Amino acid sequence: MAISCSPCIPVVDIAPFTTPSTTLSARRKAAQELAEKCAVNGCLAITGHGITPELLQQAFGLAKSLFNLPIEDKMKAPHPAGMTPHRGYSAPGKERAFQKADHDASDAERRRLLQMTQDWKESYEVGDDANEKDYNIWLPEETLPGFRSQSTSIFQRLRQLSFAILEAMLMGIGAVEEERDSALNVHSGPVSQLRFLHYLTMESDGPDGQVMTEVSRLPAHTDWCSFTLSFQDNTGGLEFKDIRSGTFMPAVPRSDAVYLNVGDMMERLSNGFFPACTHRVVLPKGTAASDTAINGSDIKRVPERYAIIYFQSLREDAMIAPLASRVTVDGGAKFESSTFQAYKEQRMKWHYQGYQKDD
């Protein structure tokens, strides 16, 4: 069912799932195209998403206003030291993103370098106010007037879009009605997350912007949710891995598209039909800033970057297992059942409690 790409990030128009009064045949056609293209590398550029240019302009303007605040103001809504709640402001260097292969690496020097590496970005996490465990941590209204109401509105609009995409993915892999209803149920409730991201201007002496000794934009990793939606400014730098060649494909900024990458949970739910997409953020090639050395040295200045990210998550108590229909087609389950909470806690430990190999 998968189609070849050599390599590229395919584009899919999902307007039949975001436009009222669309025929069932149009929805099925769009769902099949999405499934075929997303099965290659677990990534897509999605058009017809229904998010207006005005809303995106508002979102990026809000992000810039937020991160331009003095640090003492941003720290009025600090992300806590622990894993929960995963909300509020995180200062540069707080997070570290890794793959399981990095965690399990036998090469001691590789693990040591990864342990030293911190993501050179700042972020602010927003979720549903109904979530009592991962409760929102808001700035005082007088610190940034309108931030709470505007970010909540953006979150709700992206939540609507994510469910339209989820329906298309389930239809595309042939989920029966009972499986569809169950999958929508485990994704329901106040479980997902909106992230405002600001990658700071930094200096790089590594290839392709990969600074692996002290700071990095974002090392290669997969997301633990079902899928992630990424809007980015014109700086670029987001890349998705092509499974066949092992090379990374640039997600070139597009005003008409949102980028999707499949996460670990959707890979399990689809029994591997949709592969979890390894992705990273690097210094974009060919920019004036990246081509200009500082004071004649080999060190180059990396421009700042803004991104608006939405993580489609699941209820923490949900037991995630491959859909029975996919197991039948594939001749067996490729993944064991697991609660989302158990998997999430392991991954969050790597992000927020330092990078340590298990004993």
Protein backbone atom coordinates (compact mmCIF):
# COMPACT_ATOMS: atom_id res chain seq x y z
CA MET A 1 0.00 0.00 0.00
CA ALA A 2 3.01 2.29 0.58
CA ILE A 3 4.35 4.40 -2.27
CA SER A 4 7.93 5.33 -3.01
CA CYS A 5 9.52 8.66 -2.19
CA SER A 6 13.06 9.40 -3.25
CA PRO A 7 13.26 10.71 -0.56
CA CYS A 8 10.82 13.52 0.07
CA ILE A 9 8.15 14.58 2.53
CA PRO A 10 4.82 13.84 0.83
CA VAL A 11 1.93 16.29 0.79
CA VAL A 12 -1.67 15.34 1.56
CA ASP A 13 -4.79 17.52 1.33
CA ILE A 14 -7.18 16.66 4.18
CA ALA A 15 -9.84 19.24 3.28
CA PRO A 16 -12.50 16.49 3.05
CA PHE A 17 -12.05 16.01 6.82
CA THR A 18 -12.02 19.71 7.73
CA THR A 19 -14.73 20.99 5.38
CA PRO A 20 -18.45 20.57 6.15
CA SER A 21 -20.73 18.61 3.79
CA THR A 22 -17.94 16.55 2.23
CA THR A 23 -18.97 13.25 0.65
CA LEU A 24 -17.96 9.91 2.15
CA SER A 25 -16.19 8.96 -1.07
CA ALA A 26 -14.04 12.10 -0.89
CA ARG A 27 -13.15 11.32 2.72
CA ARG A 28 -12.21 7.74 1.83
CA LYS A 29 -10.02 8.92 -1.03
CA ALA A 30 -8.20 11.42 1.18
CA ALA A 31 -7.81 8.84 3.97
CA GLN A 32 -6.33 6.27 1.60
CA GLU A 33 -3.85 8.80 0.23
CA LEU A 34 -2.85 9.82 3.76
CA ALA A 35 -2.34 6.19 4.79
CA GLU A 36 -0.27 5.34 1.72
CA LYS A 37 2.01 8.33 2.02
CA CYS A 38 2.35 8.34 5.82
CA ALA A 39 3.26 4.63 5.83
CA VAL A 40 6.58 5.42 4.13
CA ASN A 41 8.33 7.41 6.87
CA GLY A 42 5.60 8.47 9.31
CA CYS A 43 5.66 12.10 8.19
CA LEU A 44 3.56 14.38 6.01
CA ALA A 45 3.00 17.97 4.99
CA ILE A 46 -0.74 18.51 5.44
CA THR A 47 -2.70 21.08 3.45
CA GLY A 48 -6.40 21.82 3.68
CA HIS A 49 -6.05 21.87 7.47
CA GLY A 50 -8.39 24.80 7.98
CA ILE A 51 -6.13 26.84 10.27
CA THR A 52 -6.41 30.39 8.96
CA PRO A 53 -3.38 32.60 8.25
CA GLU A 54 -4.83 35.08 10.75
CA LEU A 55 -4.82 32.51 13.56
CA LEU A 56 -1.25 31.47 12.75
CA GLN A 57 -0.15 35.10 12.72
CA GLN A 58 -1.77 35.55 16.11
CA ALA A 59 -0.08 32.42 17.47
CA PHE A 60 3.41 33.41 16.37
CA GLY A 61 2.89 36.97 17.55
CA LEU A 62 1.84 35.62 20.94
CA ALA A 63 4.93 33.40 21.09
CA LYS A 64 7.25 36.31 20.32
CA SER A 65 5.58 38.50 22.93
CA LEU A 66 5.94 35.70 25.47
CA PHE A 67 9.59 34.93 24.89
CA ASN A 68 10.55 38.61 24.63
CA LEU A 69 9.52 39.06 28.26
CA PRO A 70 12.32 39.47 30.82
CA ILE A 71 13.36 36.16 32.34
CA GLU A 72 12.03 37.20 35.74
CA ASP A 73 8.57 37.61 34.20
CA LYS A 74 8.69 34.28 32.36
CA MET A 75 9.72 32.58 35.60
CA LYS A 76 6.44 33.66 37.18
CA ALA A 77 5.02 30.51 35.56
CA PRO A 78 7.90 28.03 35.92
CA HIS A 79 7.78 24.41 34.82
CA PRO A 80 8.25 22.44 38.06
CA ALA A 81 11.46 20.54 38.74
CA GLY A 82 9.71 17.18 38.39
CA MET A 83 7.80 15.59 35.54
CA THR A 84 4.29 16.67 36.56
CA PRO A 85 2.63 18.92 35.70
CA HIS A 86 4.27 19.24 32.28
CA ARG A 87 3.18 22.84 31.96
CA GLY A 88 4.50 26.38 32.15
CA TYR A 89 7.81 27.93 31.15
CA SER A 90 11.02 25.93 30.66
CA ALA A 91 14.25 27.89 30.40
CA PRO A 92 17.02 27.02 27.91
CA GLY A 93 18.90 23.83 28.72
CA LYS A 94 16.18 22.25 30.85
CA GLU A 95 15.23 19.52 28.38
CA ARG A 96 17.11 16.71 26.66
CA ALA A 97 15.55 14.64 23.88
CA PHE A 98 16.83 11.14 23.12
CA GLN A 99 15.92 7.92 21.43
CA LYS A 100 15.87 4.60 23.27
CA ALA A 101 18.90 3.59 21.21
CA ASP A 102 20.83 6.48 22.73
CA HIS A 103 19.73 5.45 26.23
CA ASP A 104 20.85 1.86 25.60
CA ALA A 105 24.06 2.72 23.79
CA SER A 106 27.02 0.53 24.76
CA ASP A 107 29.50 3.20 23.66
CA ALA A 108 30.44 4.97 26.90
CA GLU A 109 31.86 7.99 25.08
CA ARG A 110 28.64 8.41 23.08
CA ARG A 111 26.57 8.30 26.25
CA ARG A 112 28.90 10.79 27.92
CA LEU A 113 28.58 13.27 25.05
CA LEU A 114 24.81 12.87 24.97
CA GLN A 115 24.62 13.43 28.71
CA MET A 116 26.44 16.74 28.25
CA THR A 117 24.12 17.85 25.45
CA GLN A 118 21.21 20.13 26.32
CA ASP A 119 18.57 21.50 23.98
CA TRP A 120 19.19 25.20 23.49
CA LYS A 121 15.60 26.38 23.43
CA GLU A 122 12.91 27.76 25.71
CA SER A 123 9.32 26.62 25.74
CA TYR A 124 5.92 27.17 27.31
CA GLU A 125 3.42 24.31 27.68
CA VAL A 126 -0.34 24.78 27.65
CA GLY A 127 -3.06 22.16 28.01
CA ASP A 128 -6.73 21.78 28.82
CA ASP A 129 -7.81 23.55 32.01
CA ALA A 130 -9.89 20.45 32.84
CA ASN A 131 -6.72 18.38 33.33
CA GLU A 132 -6.28 18.17 37.10
CA LYS A 133 -2.97 16.28 37.04
CA ASP A 134 -1.15 18.20 34.31
CA TYR A 135 -2.76 21.45 35.37
CA ASN A 136 -1.92 24.68 33.59
CA ILE A 137 0.58 27.09 35.09
CA TRP A 138 -0.38 30.54 33.91
CA LEU A 139 1.44 33.84 33.88
CA PRO A 140 -0.31 36.56 35.87
CA GLU A 141 -2.72 38.36 33.53
CA GLU A 142 -0.93 41.67 34.03
CA THR A 143 2.39 40.16 32.94
CA LEU A 144 1.12 39.36 29.43
CA PRO A 145 -2.51 40.49 29.00
CA GLY A 146 -4.58 38.13 26.86
CA PHE A 147 -2.04 35.30 26.84
CA ARG A 148 -4.27 32.84 28.67
CA SER A 149 -7.38 33.45 26.56
CA GLN A 150 -5.52 33.52 23.24
CA SER A 151 -3.41 30.42 23.89
CA THR A 152 -6.51 28.53 25.08
CA SER A 153 -8.31 29.45 21.85
CA ILE A 154 -5.34 28.26 19.75
CA PHE A 155 -5.19 25.01 21.74
CA GLN A 156 -8.88 24.27 21.16
CA ARG A 157 -8.64 24.96 17.42
CA LEU A 158 -5.64 22.64 17.01
CA ARG A 159 -7.44 20.00 19.05
CA GLN A 160 -10.28 20.04 16.52
CA LEU A 161 -7.79 19.65 13.68
CA SER A 162 -5.99 16.76 15.39
CA PHE A 163 -9.22 14.78 15.73
CA ALA A 164 -9.97 15.31 12.04
CA ILE A 165 -6.52 13.90 11.24
CA LEU A 166 -7.01 11.02 13.68
CA GLU A 167 -10.27 10.08 11.94
CA ALA A 168 -8.50 10.13 8.57
CA MET A 169 -5.68 7.91 9.85
CA LEU A 170 -8.08 5.36 11.32
CA MET A 171 -10.17 5.27 8.15
CA GLY A 172 -7.02 4.95 6.06
CA ILE A 173 -5.81 1.80 7.83
CA GLY A 174 -9.24 0.16 7.72
CA ALA A 175 -10.19 0.37 11.40
CA VAL A 176 -13.66 -1.09 11.96
CA GLU A 177 -16.30 1.00 13.71
CA GLU A 178 -15.65 -0.48 17.16
CA GLU A 179 -11.90 0.10 16.83
CA ARG A 180 -12.48 3.63 15.60
CA ASP A 181 -14.72 4.48 18.55
CA SER A 182 -12.24 2.94 21.01
CA ALA A 183 -9.30 4.82 19.50
CA LEU A 184 -11.15 8.13 19.58
CA ASN A 185 -12.11 7.44 23.20
CA VAL A 186 -8.54 6.89 24.41
CA HIS A 187 -7.57 10.17 22.75
CA SER A 188 -10.46 12.06 24.31
CA GLY A 189 -10.42 14.15 27.43
CA PRO A 190 -7.99 16.89 28.53
CA VAL A 191 -4.86 15.00 27.49
CA SER A 192 -3.08 16.89 24.70
CA GLN A 193 -0.59 19.73 24.75
CA LEU A 194 0.23 22.97 22.96
CA ARG A 195 3.84 24.07 23.01
CA PHE A 196 5.24 27.48 22.15
CA LEU A 197 8.91 27.08 21.17
CA HIS A 198 11.76 29.53 20.79
CA TYR A 199 15.17 28.32 19.65
CA LEU A 200 17.63 30.98 20.69
CA THR A 201 20.34 32.48 18.53
CA MET A 202 23.46 30.42 19.16
CA GLU A 203 26.93 29.73 17.81
CA SER A 204 27.73 26.45 16.10
CA ASP A 205 30.99 24.81 15.11
CA GLY A 206 29.50 21.40 14.26
CA PRO A 207 28.38 19.96 10.91
CA ASP A 208 24.81 20.85 9.90
CA GLY A 209 24.31 22.70 13.16
CA GLN A 210 24.72 19.56 15.28
CA VAL A 211 26.53 20.74 18.40
CA MET A 212 27.00 17.53 20.36
CA THR A 213 29.29 18.69 23.17
CA GLU A 214 27.39 21.33 25.12
CA VAL A 215 24.22 22.54 23.40
CA SER A 216 22.09 21.48 20.44
CA ARG A 217 18.92 22.68 18.78
CA LEU A 218 17.18 19.31 19.08
CA PRO A 219 18.87 15.90 18.67
CA ALA A 220 17.18 13.15 16.65
CA HIS A 221 14.32 11.46 18.53
CA THR A 222 10.75 10.21 18.24
CA ASP A 223 7.77 11.64 20.15
CA TRP A 224 5.94 9.43 22.63
CA CYS A 225 2.45 10.70 21.75
CA SER A 226 0.25 9.54 18.85
CA PHE A 227 1.33 12.29 16.47
CA THR A 228 2.69 15.81 16.48
CA LEU A 229 1.67 18.84 14.42
CA SER A 230 4.34 21.48 13.74
CA PHE A 231 3.95 25.01 12.44
CA GLN A 232 7.26 26.83 12.01
CA ASP A 233 8.55 30.24 11.00
CA ASN A 234 10.71 30.83 7.93
CA THR A 235 14.00 29.94 9.63
CA GLY A 236 13.55 26.22 9.02
CA GLY A 237 15.69 23.45 10.45
CA LEU A 238 13.09 20.73 11.11
CA GLU A 239 14.08 17.45 9.46
CA PHE A 240 12.48 13.99 9.20
CA LYS A 241 14.43 10.76 8.74
CA ASP A 242 14.01 8.66 5.62
CA ILE A 243 13.92 5.06 6.84
CA ARG A 244 15.31 3.48 3.67
CA SER A 245 18.35 5.72 3.14
CA GLY A 246 18.94 6.86 6.72
CA THR A 247 19.24 10.46 5.55
CA PHE A 248 17.25 13.39 6.91
CA MET A 249 14.77 15.31 4.75
CA PRO A 250 14.25 19.05 5.37
CA ALA A 251 10.73 20.13 6.27
CA VAL A 252 10.88 23.31 4.22
CA PRO A 253 8.68 26.04 5.76
CA ARG A 254 5.37 26.34 3.92
CA SER A 255 2.65 28.90 4.62
CA ASP A 256 -0.07 26.50 3.46
CA ALA A 257 0.94 23.35 5.35
CA VAL A 258 1.39 21.90 8.81
CA TYR A 259 3.93 19.11 9.25
CA LEU A 260 2.88 15.86 10.92
CA ASN A 261 5.17 13.26 12.44
CA VAL A 262 3.89 9.96 13.80
CA GLY A 263 4.69 9.19 17.45
CA ASP A 264 5.37 5.97 19.33
CA MET A 265 1.76 5.38 20.37
CA MET A 266 0.32 5.57 16.85
CA GLU A 267 3.04 3.20 15.68
CA ARG A 268 1.83 0.69 18.28
CA LEU A 269 -1.86 1.31 17.66
CA SER A 270 -1.41 0.74 13.91
CA ASN A 271 0.82 -2.32 14.53
CA GLY A 272 3.67 -0.57 12.76
CA PHE A 273 1.69 0.47 9.67
CA PHE A 274 2.55 4.08 10.55
CA PRO A 275 6.21 4.15 11.67
CA ALA A 276 7.23 6.51 14.45
CA CYS A 277 9.14 9.27 12.69
CA THR A 278 12.63 10.17 13.86
CA HIS A 279 13.11 13.92 13.57
CA ARG A 280 15.48 16.66 14.65
CA VAL A 281 16.03 20.41 14.43
CA VAL A 282 19.32 21.56 12.93
CA LEU A 283 20.93 24.68 11.57
CA PRO A 284 19.19 25.24 8.23
CA LYS A 285 21.55 25.06 5.29
CA GLY A 286 21.96 27.88 2.83
CA THR A 287 20.89 30.73 5.09
CA ALA A 288 22.94 33.87 5.21
CA ALA A 289 23.50 33.42 8.92
CA SER A 290 24.75 29.86 8.58
CA ASP A 291 27.16 30.80 5.77
CA THR A 292 28.75 33.70 7.64
CA ALA A 293 31.65 32.99 9.96
CA ILE A 294 32.08 35.08 13.08
CA ASN A 295 35.28 37.16 13.09
CA GLY A 296 36.76 34.97 10.39
CA SER A 297 36.55 31.82 12.52
CA ASP A 298 34.81 28.51 11.83
CA ILE A 299 32.06 29.40 14.29
CA LYS A 300 28.78 30.43 12.69
CA ARG A 301 25.80 32.23 14.15
CA VAL A 302 22.50 30.33 14.06
CA PRO A 303 19.37 32.47 13.67
CA GLU A 304 16.57 32.20 16.20
CA ARG A 305 13.57 30.03 15.38
CA TYR A 306 9.93 29.98 16.52
CA ALA A 307 7.55 27.03 16.29
CA ILE A 308 4.01 26.20 17.40
CA ILE A 309 3.66 22.50 18.27
CA TYR A 310 0.61 20.41 19.13
CA PHE A 311 1.01 16.94 20.63
CA GLN A 312 -1.98 14.63 20.16
CA SER A 313 -1.80 12.55 23.30
CA LEU A 314 -3.85 9.83 25.02
CA ARG A 315 -5.44 9.18 28.39
CA GLU A 316 -2.73 8.01 30.77
CA ASP A 317 -4.73 5.00 31.94
CA ALA A 318 -5.32 3.85 28.36
CA MET A 319 -3.98 0.39 27.52
CA ILE A 320 -2.44 0.75 24.08
CA ALA A 321 -2.39 -2.38 21.92
CA PRO A 322 -2.35 -2.91 18.15
CA LEU A 323 -5.78 -2.79 16.51
CA ALA A 324 -7.15 -6.30 16.05
CA SER A 325 -7.87 -5.67 12.38
CA ARG A 326 -4.24 -4.75 11.77
CA VAL A 327 -3.02 -7.78 13.72
CA THR A 328 -5.13 -9.99 11.47
CA VAL A 329 -3.78 -8.39 8.30
CA ASP A 330 -0.17 -8.49 9.54
CA GLY A 331 -0.34 -12.03 10.87
CA GLY A 332 0.41 -11.12 14.47
CA ALA A 333 1.01 -8.29 16.92
CA LYS A 334 4.34 -6.48 16.56
CA PHE A 335 4.07 -4.66 19.89
CA GLU A 336 3.14 -5.62 23.43
CA SER A 337 0.31 -3.86 25.24
CA SER A 338 1.30 -1.03 27.56
CA THR A 339 -0.38 1.81 29.38
CA PHE A 340 0.44 5.23 28.04
CA GLN A 341 1.30 6.39 31.56
CA ALA A 342 4.07 3.82 32.00
CA TYR A 343 5.62 4.65 28.66
CA LYS A 344 5.30 8.40 29.17
CA GLU A 345 6.94 8.33 32.59
CA GLN A 346 9.99 6.52 31.22
CA ARG A 347 10.42 9.02 28.42
CA MET A 348 9.80 12.02 30.67
CA LYS A 349 12.51 10.77 33.01
CA TRP A 350 15.05 11.05 30.22
CA HIS A 351 13.86 14.57 29.39
CA TYR A 352 13.66 16.14 32.84
CA GLN A 353 15.67 14.08 35.31
CA GLY A 354 18.89 13.83 33.39
CA TYR A 355 20.15 11.17 31.08
CA GLN A 356 21.24 8.04 32.92
CA LYS A 357 21.55 4.45 31.78
CA ASP A 358 19.49 2.00 33.83
CA ASP A 359 21.35 -0.36 36.14
